Amino acid sequence: MKIKPFKLERYYTVNEFSAKYSLCNSDSEAMTINDLLSFEEDAKEKFHNLWLGYTESKGHPESRRDIASIYSSIKPENLLVCTGAQEPIFLFAQANLEPQDEVIVQSPCYQSLQSVPESIGCKISNWNVKYVGNRPTFDIEELKSMVTSKTKVFFLNTPHNPTGFHFSKEEQLAIVDIARANNIILFCDEVYRELEHKPEYRIPAFADIYENGVSVGVMSKSYGLPGLRIGWIASQNTEILEKVAVLKEYTTICNAGPSEFLAGVALRNRDKILERNLNIIKENLLLYDAFFENYSDLFSWHKPNAGPVALVKMHFDTDDMAFAERVLKEQSVLLLPGGVYDFGGFFRIGFGRTIMPEALEQFEMFVVNNLIKA
């Protein structure tokens, strides 16, 4: 298999751990194992006595039960537990797509949603974001017009990384109608699901409301537990899942037992974790509101209603990659330039971590010293 280098992951590999401050993290605040186990009275004892043998390839029955609790129609048998979200994205494409299949990808995107199908030999059509003022939008009528008789899959992501866009219920149902009318699989990266900023912004999982819907989730983003490396793929279509399960026996085979146990503790107590993470997001958004109001001549953004990321538009003639490199060099603040998404003139910010206020102070120092004086 020949596949393009993953620009975002390469960028993080090179720069993430050399930066003192990060302003672009896409996950929520993490916690220690001790903090996580404290949610349940007997969790520490059970964890210490955990058997370290092989686990079930599809995931422990209790893991699938706990994951199923975040869905309405998905049952434990409709789930496959995987390593992170990258594995199910990769395996789904490899198991369910053939060369010459056509796929439509919501863009910009997490690159594997595009590059993995491309490496198989699929024809890629990008359903591109459009900005109305500062607001990112995706035109449903445009999506409908892009469908051909060879369209196999829509690759979606909501809440959306990197723009922060989130489908409304009406938009979601319209997309399902298009897919159902054309027998198209709907694959949705839903790693930020349950991190809607208000209850009215919540929409169902695509796997819950469409018979050929496929939803991917992970412990890394909304729950702030990327170190567990636990993700999953869910679908009512058992044929899709079985194809992925067969191919998984060539990759990770099974998951880490300790990680599955800890993920279960988190999911059973996810309301507490989500409340904490949403409070961090809301406090950080207030700081961004003030910052972008103060520097509206230099930057603009649309505050999202879900998730912990957004794109910022630069209103000055500077290459975003070079700008991010300069900020990192002079202030040790990590930004994620739009160039890693092939979407120049922007950079991604994150607001799910407690370090963000300190990082924003350092970035503002750079802005004052280099952009205001200039």
Protein backbone atom coordinates (compact mmCIF):
# COMPACT_ATOMS: atom_id res chain seq x y z
CA MET A 1 0.00 0.00 0.00
CA LYS A 2 1.27 3.45 -0.93
CA ILE A 3 -0.18 6.30 1.08
CA LYS A 4 0.63 9.96 1.52
CA PRO A 5 2.45 11.07 4.68
CA PHE A 6 -0.06 12.19 7.33
CA LYS A 7 0.64 15.93 7.45
CA LEU A 8 -1.07 16.63 10.78
CA GLU A 9 0.49 13.71 12.61
CA ARG A 10 3.92 14.47 11.11
CA TYR A 11 3.56 18.06 12.31
CA TYR A 12 2.71 16.93 15.84
CA THR A 13 5.46 14.31 15.87
CA VAL A 14 8.05 16.95 15.03
CA ASN A 15 6.72 19.83 17.15
CA GLU A 16 4.28 18.81 19.90
CA PHE A 17 6.68 17.81 22.64
CA SER A 18 9.21 20.57 21.96
CA ALA A 19 6.64 23.33 22.58
CA LYS A 20 6.22 24.68 26.10
CA TYR A 21 2.66 25.81 25.39
CA SER A 22 0.00 24.43 23.08
CA LEU A 23 -2.92 26.41 21.74
CA CYS A 24 -4.19 23.79 19.33
CA ASN A 25 -4.88 20.55 21.21
CA SER A 26 -7.92 18.71 19.91
CA ASP A 27 -8.65 16.70 23.06
CA SER A 28 -10.15 17.44 26.44
CA GLU A 29 -8.24 17.61 29.72
CA ALA A 30 -6.75 14.25 30.70
CA MET A 31 -6.67 12.70 34.16
CA THR A 32 -4.59 10.21 36.12
CA ILE A 33 -5.43 6.55 36.56
CA ASN A 34 -5.90 7.24 40.27
CA ASP A 35 -8.44 10.00 39.55
CA LEU A 36 -10.32 7.78 37.12
CA LEU A 37 -10.46 4.78 39.48
CA SER A 38 -11.76 6.99 42.29
CA PHE A 39 -15.11 7.22 40.49
CA GLU A 40 -16.01 3.69 41.65
CA GLU A 41 -15.49 2.32 45.14
CA ASP A 42 -14.14 -1.09 44.13
CA ALA A 43 -12.41 -0.06 40.88
CA LYS A 44 -8.87 0.02 42.31
CA GLU A 45 -9.08 -3.49 43.68
CA LYS A 46 -10.57 -4.83 40.44
CA PHE A 47 -7.89 -3.06 38.39
CA HIS A 48 -5.06 -4.48 40.50
CA ASN A 49 -6.50 -7.98 40.15
CA LEU A 50 -7.10 -7.70 36.41
CA TRP A 51 -6.07 -10.75 34.40
CA LEU A 52 -3.48 -9.80 31.75
CA GLY A 53 -4.28 -12.42 29.14
CA TYR A 54 -5.60 -11.91 25.63
CA THR A 55 -8.93 -10.14 25.33
CA GLU A 56 -11.75 -10.81 22.88
CA SER A 57 -11.00 -9.47 19.40
CA LYS A 58 -14.34 -7.66 19.17
CA GLY A 59 -13.90 -6.23 22.65
CA HIS A 60 -14.86 -7.52 26.08
CA PRO A 61 -18.64 -7.96 26.40
CA GLU A 62 -18.68 -5.47 29.27
CA SER A 63 -16.78 -2.94 27.14
CA ARG A 64 -19.30 -3.26 24.33
CA ARG A 65 -22.14 -2.97 26.84
CA ASP A 66 -20.69 0.25 28.28
CA ILE A 67 -20.08 1.75 24.84
CA ALA A 68 -23.58 0.80 23.68
CA SER A 69 -24.99 2.88 26.53
CA ILE A 70 -24.17 6.09 24.65
CA TYR A 71 -26.38 5.05 21.71
CA SER A 72 -30.13 4.52 21.33
CA SER A 73 -30.37 1.79 18.64
CA ILE A 74 -26.87 0.32 18.79
CA LYS A 75 -26.55 -2.85 20.85
CA PRO A 76 -23.33 -4.54 22.07
CA GLU A 77 -23.41 -6.87 19.06
CA ASN A 78 -23.37 -3.80 16.78
CA LEU A 79 -19.95 -2.71 18.08
CA LEU A 80 -16.31 -3.53 17.49
CA VAL A 81 -13.78 -2.15 19.99
CA CYS A 82 -10.56 -0.94 18.37
CA THR A 83 -7.28 0.80 19.13
CA GLY A 84 -8.06 4.52 18.98
CA ALA A 85 -10.10 6.03 16.14
CA GLN A 86 -7.40 5.68 13.51
CA GLU A 87 -7.70 1.89 13.38
CA PRO A 88 -11.45 1.75 12.64
CA ILE A 89 -11.09 4.48 10.00
CA PHE A 90 -8.32 2.52 8.31
CA LEU A 91 -9.98 -0.88 8.63
CA PHE A 92 -13.39 0.30 7.45
CA ALA A 93 -11.94 1.71 4.25
CA GLN A 94 -9.72 -1.30 3.59
CA ALA A 95 -12.54 -3.78 4.27
CA ASN A 96 -15.44 -2.07 2.52
CA LEU A 97 -14.01 -0.16 -0.44
CA GLU A 98 -12.69 -1.30 -3.81
CA PRO A 99 -10.62 0.49 -6.45
CA GLN A 100 -12.78 2.73 -8.63
CA ASP A 101 -15.39 3.23 -5.89
CA GLU A 102 -16.35 6.86 -5.52
CA VAL A 103 -16.47 8.50 -2.11
CA ILE A 104 -17.42 11.99 -0.97
CA VAL A 105 -15.38 13.47 1.87
CA GLN A 106 -16.41 16.42 4.03
CA SER A 107 -13.41 18.73 3.72
CA PRO A 108 -11.08 19.87 5.22
CA CYS A 109 -10.78 16.67 7.18
CA TYR A 110 -8.71 14.42 9.37
CA GLN A 111 -6.48 13.22 6.58
CA SER A 112 -7.00 9.48 6.91
CA LEU A 113 -10.67 9.92 5.95
CA GLN A 114 -9.38 10.98 2.54
CA SER A 115 -5.94 9.41 2.13
CA VAL A 116 -6.85 5.82 3.02
CA PRO A 117 -9.64 5.56 0.39
CA GLU A 118 -7.35 7.32 -2.07
CA SER A 119 -4.60 4.74 -1.43
CA ILE A 120 -7.07 1.97 -2.30
CA GLY A 121 -7.72 3.57 -5.68
CA CYS A 122 -11.04 5.26 -4.93
CA LYS A 123 -12.11 8.45 -6.66
CA ILE A 124 -12.30 11.22 -4.05
CA SER A 125 -14.73 14.14 -4.27
CA ASN A 126 -14.36 16.82 -1.62
CA TRP A 127 -17.48 18.37 -0.12
CA ASN A 128 -15.80 21.63 0.78
CA VAL A 129 -16.64 23.99 3.60
CA LYS A 130 -17.87 27.44 2.63
CA TYR A 131 -17.67 30.47 4.87
CA VAL A 132 -20.68 32.76 5.06
CA GLY A 133 -19.16 35.71 6.83
CA ASN A 134 -17.17 34.04 9.57
CA ARG A 135 -19.50 31.03 9.79
CA PRO A 136 -18.48 27.67 8.29
CA THR A 137 -21.25 25.91 6.35
CA PHE A 138 -21.69 22.77 4.25
CA ASP A 139 -24.23 23.02 1.42
CA ILE A 140 -26.60 20.03 1.50
CA GLU A 141 -27.83 20.69 -2.04
CA GLU A 142 -24.24 20.65 -3.24
CA LEU A 143 -23.73 17.26 -1.58
CA LYS A 144 -26.83 15.94 -3.34
CA SER A 145 -25.53 17.15 -6.70
CA MET A 146 -22.19 15.37 -6.17
CA VAL A 147 -23.73 11.90 -5.94
CA THR A 148 -23.28 9.53 -8.88
CA SER A 149 -24.28 5.93 -9.50
CA LYS A 150 -20.80 4.89 -8.29
CA THR A 151 -20.86 6.78 -4.96
CA LYS A 152 -20.20 4.21 -2.24
CA VAL A 153 -19.57 6.20 0.96
CA PHE A 154 -20.00 9.64 2.48
CA PHE A 155 -17.13 10.33 4.91
CA LEU A 156 -18.38 12.85 7.47
CA ASN A 157 -17.19 14.32 10.75
CA THR A 158 -19.41 16.10 13.25
CA PRO A 159 -18.64 18.04 15.40
CA HIS A 160 -16.14 18.90 12.72
CA ASN A 161 -12.39 18.99 12.99
CA PRO A 162 -10.94 21.54 12.26
CA THR A 163 -13.71 24.11 11.61
CA GLY A 164 -15.85 23.46 14.70
CA PHE A 165 -18.96 23.13 12.50
CA HIS A 166 -21.73 20.84 13.74
CA PHE A 167 -24.74 19.58 11.75
CA SER A 168 -28.21 20.51 12.89
CA LYS A 169 -30.80 17.75 13.23
CA GLU A 170 -32.45 18.96 10.03
CA GLU A 171 -29.18 18.83 8.12
CA GLN A 172 -28.43 15.39 9.48
CA LEU A 173 -31.80 14.01 8.37
CA ALA A 174 -31.37 15.55 4.93
CA ILE A 175 -28.01 13.80 4.54
CA VAL A 176 -29.53 10.48 5.63
CA ASP A 177 -32.31 10.93 3.06
CA ILE A 178 -29.73 11.43 0.29
CA ALA A 179 -27.75 8.39 1.40
CA ARG A 180 -30.81 6.15 1.74
CA ALA A 181 -32.17 7.14 -1.68
CA ASN A 182 -28.87 6.14 -3.28
CA ASN A 183 -27.92 3.16 -1.05
CA ILE A 184 -24.80 4.96 0.18
CA ILE A 185 -22.93 4.08 3.38
CA LEU A 186 -22.68 7.00 5.82
CA PHE A 187 -19.40 6.85 7.72
CA CYS A 188 -19.19 9.50 10.43
CA ASP A 189 -16.25 10.33 12.66
CA GLU A 190 -18.07 11.23 15.89
CA VAL A 191 -15.11 11.49 18.25
CA TYR A 192 -16.47 14.77 19.71
CA ARG A 193 -19.98 13.46 20.25
CA GLU A 194 -21.42 14.25 23.72
CA LEU A 195 -19.32 17.42 23.83
CA GLU A 196 -22.11 19.70 22.59
CA HIS A 197 -22.00 23.01 24.45
CA LYS A 198 -25.75 23.00 25.11
CA PRO A 199 -28.27 20.12 25.10
CA GLU A 200 -30.19 21.63 22.16
CA TYR A 201 -27.17 21.13 19.89
CA ARG A 202 -27.15 17.35 20.34
CA ILE A 203 -27.97 15.15 17.38
CA PRO A 204 -28.24 11.35 17.22
CA ALA A 205 -25.36 9.19 16.10
CA PHE A 206 -25.59 8.36 12.40
CA ALA A 207 -25.38 4.66 13.30
CA ASP A 208 -28.50 5.05 15.43
CA ILE A 209 -30.74 6.59 12.77
CA TYR A 210 -29.61 4.98 9.51
CA GLU A 211 -29.40 1.28 8.69
CA ASN A 212 -26.20 1.84 6.70
CA GLY A 213 -24.76 4.39 9.09
CA VAL A 214 -21.33 3.79 10.59
CA SER A 215 -20.21 5.77 13.65
CA VAL A 216 -16.69 5.96 15.03
CA GLY A 217 -16.04 6.98 18.64
CA VAL A 218 -13.01 7.14 20.90
CA MET A 219 -12.07 7.76 24.52
CA SER A 220 -9.47 10.36 23.48
CA LYS A 221 -11.45 13.49 22.67
CA SER A 222 -14.70 14.15 24.55
CA TYR A 223 -13.57 12.11 27.55
CA GLY A 224 -9.95 13.30 27.55
CA LEU A 225 -8.39 9.83 27.80
CA PRO A 226 -6.15 9.43 24.73
CA GLY A 227 -3.63 7.34 26.69
CA LEU A 228 -6.11 4.47 26.83
CA ARG A 229 -6.03 4.09 23.02
CA ILE A 230 -9.59 2.75 23.01
CA GLY A 231 -11.99 3.51 20.18
CA TRP A 232 -14.82 1.72 18.41
CA ILE A 233 -16.90 1.38 15.30
CA ALA A 234 -20.69 0.97 15.46
CA SER A 235 -23.25 0.04 12.85
CA GLN A 236 -26.61 -1.70 12.50
CA ASN A 237 -25.20 -3.22 9.30
CA THR A 238 -23.55 -6.40 10.59
CA GLU A 239 -21.98 -7.18 7.21
CA ILE A 240 -19.93 -3.96 7.37
CA LEU A 241 -18.83 -4.74 10.92
CA GLU A 242 -17.88 -8.34 10.16
CA LYS A 243 -15.64 -7.26 7.28
CA VAL A 244 -13.84 -4.90 9.67
CA ALA A 245 -13.59 -7.61 12.35
CA VAL A 246 -11.95 -10.06 9.93
CA LEU A 247 -9.37 -7.48 8.86
CA LYS A 248 -8.67 -6.45 12.47
CA GLU A 249 -7.11 -9.86 12.95
CA TYR A 250 -4.27 -8.58 10.74
CA THR A 251 -3.71 -5.43 12.82
CA THR A 252 -4.12 -5.24 16.60
CA ILE A 253 -6.04 -8.55 16.90
CA CYS A 254 -7.38 -7.52 20.32
CA ASN A 255 -7.25 -4.56 22.67
CA ALA A 256 -5.29 -3.96 25.88
CA GLY A 257 -7.26 -5.39 28.80
CA PRO A 258 -6.27 -2.62 31.27
CA SER A 259 -7.35 0.02 28.75
CA GLU A 260 -10.72 -1.61 28.20
CA PHE A 261 -11.27 -1.82 31.97
CA LEU A 262 -10.41 1.86 32.49
CA ALA A 263 -12.54 2.91 29.53
CA GLY A 264 -15.47 1.12 31.14
CA VAL A 265 -15.01 3.05 34.38
CA ALA A 266 -14.95 6.30 32.40
CA LEU A 267 -18.04 5.49 30.34
CA ARG A 268 -20.07 4.49 33.38
CA ASN A 269 -19.15 7.85 34.91
CA ARG A 270 -19.05 9.88 31.73
CA ASP A 271 -21.59 12.45 32.92
CA LYS A 272 -19.14 13.63 35.57
CA ILE A 273 -16.24 13.67 33.11
CA LEU A 274 -18.23 15.48 30.44
CA GLU A 275 -19.47 18.08 32.93
CA ARG A 276 -15.89 18.81 33.96
CA ASN A 277 -14.67 19.02 30.36
CA LEU A 278 -17.55 21.23 29.24
CA ASN A 279 -16.90 23.62 32.11
CA ILE A 280 -13.27 23.92 30.99
CA ILE A 281 -14.41 24.60 27.42
CA LYS A 282 -16.92 27.26 28.46
CA GLU A 283 -14.36 29.10 30.57
CA ASN A 284 -11.79 29.00 27.79
CA LEU A 285 -14.30 30.22 25.20
CA LEU A 286 -14.86 33.38 27.24
CA LEU A 287 -11.13 34.10 26.99
CA TYR A 288 -11.14 33.56 23.25
CA ASP A 289 -14.17 35.83 22.87
CA ALA A 290 -12.29 38.65 24.55
CA PHE A 291 -9.09 37.97 22.61
CA PHE A 292 -10.73 37.97 19.17
CA GLU A 293 -12.75 41.07 20.02
CA ASN A 294 -9.53 42.89 20.95
CA TYR A 295 -7.73 41.79 17.79
CA SER A 296 -10.58 41.68 15.29
CA ASP A 297 -8.50 43.49 12.69
CA LEU A 298 -6.00 40.61 12.72
CA PHE A 299 -8.14 37.52 13.30
CA SER A 300 -11.71 36.30 13.01
CA TRP A 301 -13.47 33.11 14.03
CA HIS A 302 -16.88 31.56 14.43
CA LYS A 303 -17.38 30.28 17.96
CA PRO A 304 -18.58 26.67 17.65
CA ASN A 305 -21.52 25.13 19.48
CA ALA A 306 -19.86 21.74 19.99
CA GLY A 307 -16.42 20.22 20.41
CA PRO A 308 -13.08 21.70 21.56
CA VAL A 309 -11.62 23.04 18.27
CA ALA A 310 -12.15 25.86 15.79
CA LEU A 311 -10.44 27.51 12.85
CA VAL A 312 -9.15 31.08 13.01
CA LYS A 313 -8.88 33.24 9.88
CA MET A 314 -5.77 35.40 9.54
CA HIS A 315 -6.38 38.89 8.15
CA PHE A 316 -2.82 39.61 7.15
CA ASP A 317 -0.69 38.45 4.26
CA THR A 318 1.43 35.80 5.94
CA ASP A 319 1.80 32.13 5.13
CA ASP A 320 0.10 30.17 7.93
CA MET A 321 2.85 27.54 8.04
CA ALA A 322 5.55 30.20 8.37
CA PHE A 323 3.47 32.09 10.93
CA ALA A 324 3.05 29.01 13.13
CA GLU A 325 6.75 28.26 12.86
CA ARG A 326 7.61 31.78 13.99
CA VAL A 327 5.22 31.67 16.95
CA LEU A 328 6.71 28.35 18.02
CA LYS A 329 10.28 29.60 17.69
CA GLU A 330 9.80 32.94 19.44
CA GLN A 331 7.19 32.12 22.09
CA SER A 332 7.22 28.29 22.29
CA VAL A 333 3.49 28.26 21.52
CA LEU A 334 2.19 25.52 19.23
CA LEU A 335 -0.45 26.47 16.65
CA LEU A 336 -1.77 24.08 14.01
CA PRO A 337 -1.51 25.84 10.63
CA GLY A 338 -4.23 25.35 8.05
CA GLY A 339 -1.59 24.16 5.61
CA VAL A 340 -1.60 20.71 7.22
CA TYR A 341 -5.22 20.48 6.00
CA ASP A 342 -4.38 22.08 2.62
CA PHE A 343 -6.51 24.97 3.86
CA GLY A 344 -4.24 28.00 3.90
CA GLY A 345 -4.79 31.30 5.68
CA PHE A 346 -6.15 29.72 8.86
CA PHE A 347 -4.86 28.03 11.99
CA ARG A 348 -6.61 25.65 14.37
CA ILE A 349 -7.09 26.42 18.04
CA GLY A 350 -8.22 24.16 20.88
CA PHE A 351 -10.00 25.00 24.11
CA GLY A 352 -10.44 21.75 25.99
CA ARG A 353 -7.41 21.94 28.27
CA THR A 354 -6.62 23.88 31.44
CA ILE A 355 -3.26 25.03 30.00
CA MET A 356 -5.04 27.07 27.33
CA PRO A 357 -5.26 30.37 29.26
CA GLU A 358 -1.52 30.39 29.86
CA ALA A 359 -0.84 29.51 26.24
CA LEU A 360 -3.17 32.29 25.08
CA GLU A 361 -1.28 34.81 27.22
CA GLN A 362 1.95 33.80 25.53
CA PHE A 363 0.38 34.02 22.08
CA GLU A 364 -1.01 37.47 22.88
CA MET A 365 2.49 38.54 23.86
CA PHE A 366 3.67 37.48 20.41
CA VAL A 367 0.80 39.34 18.75
CA VAL A 368 1.49 42.56 20.66
CA ASN A 369 5.23 42.44 20.08
CA ASN A 370 5.17 41.43 16.43
CA LEU A 371 1.85 42.28 14.81
CA ILE A 372 0.63 45.37 16.63
CA LYS A 373 3.97 47.15 16.55
CA ALA A 374 4.41 46.18 12.94
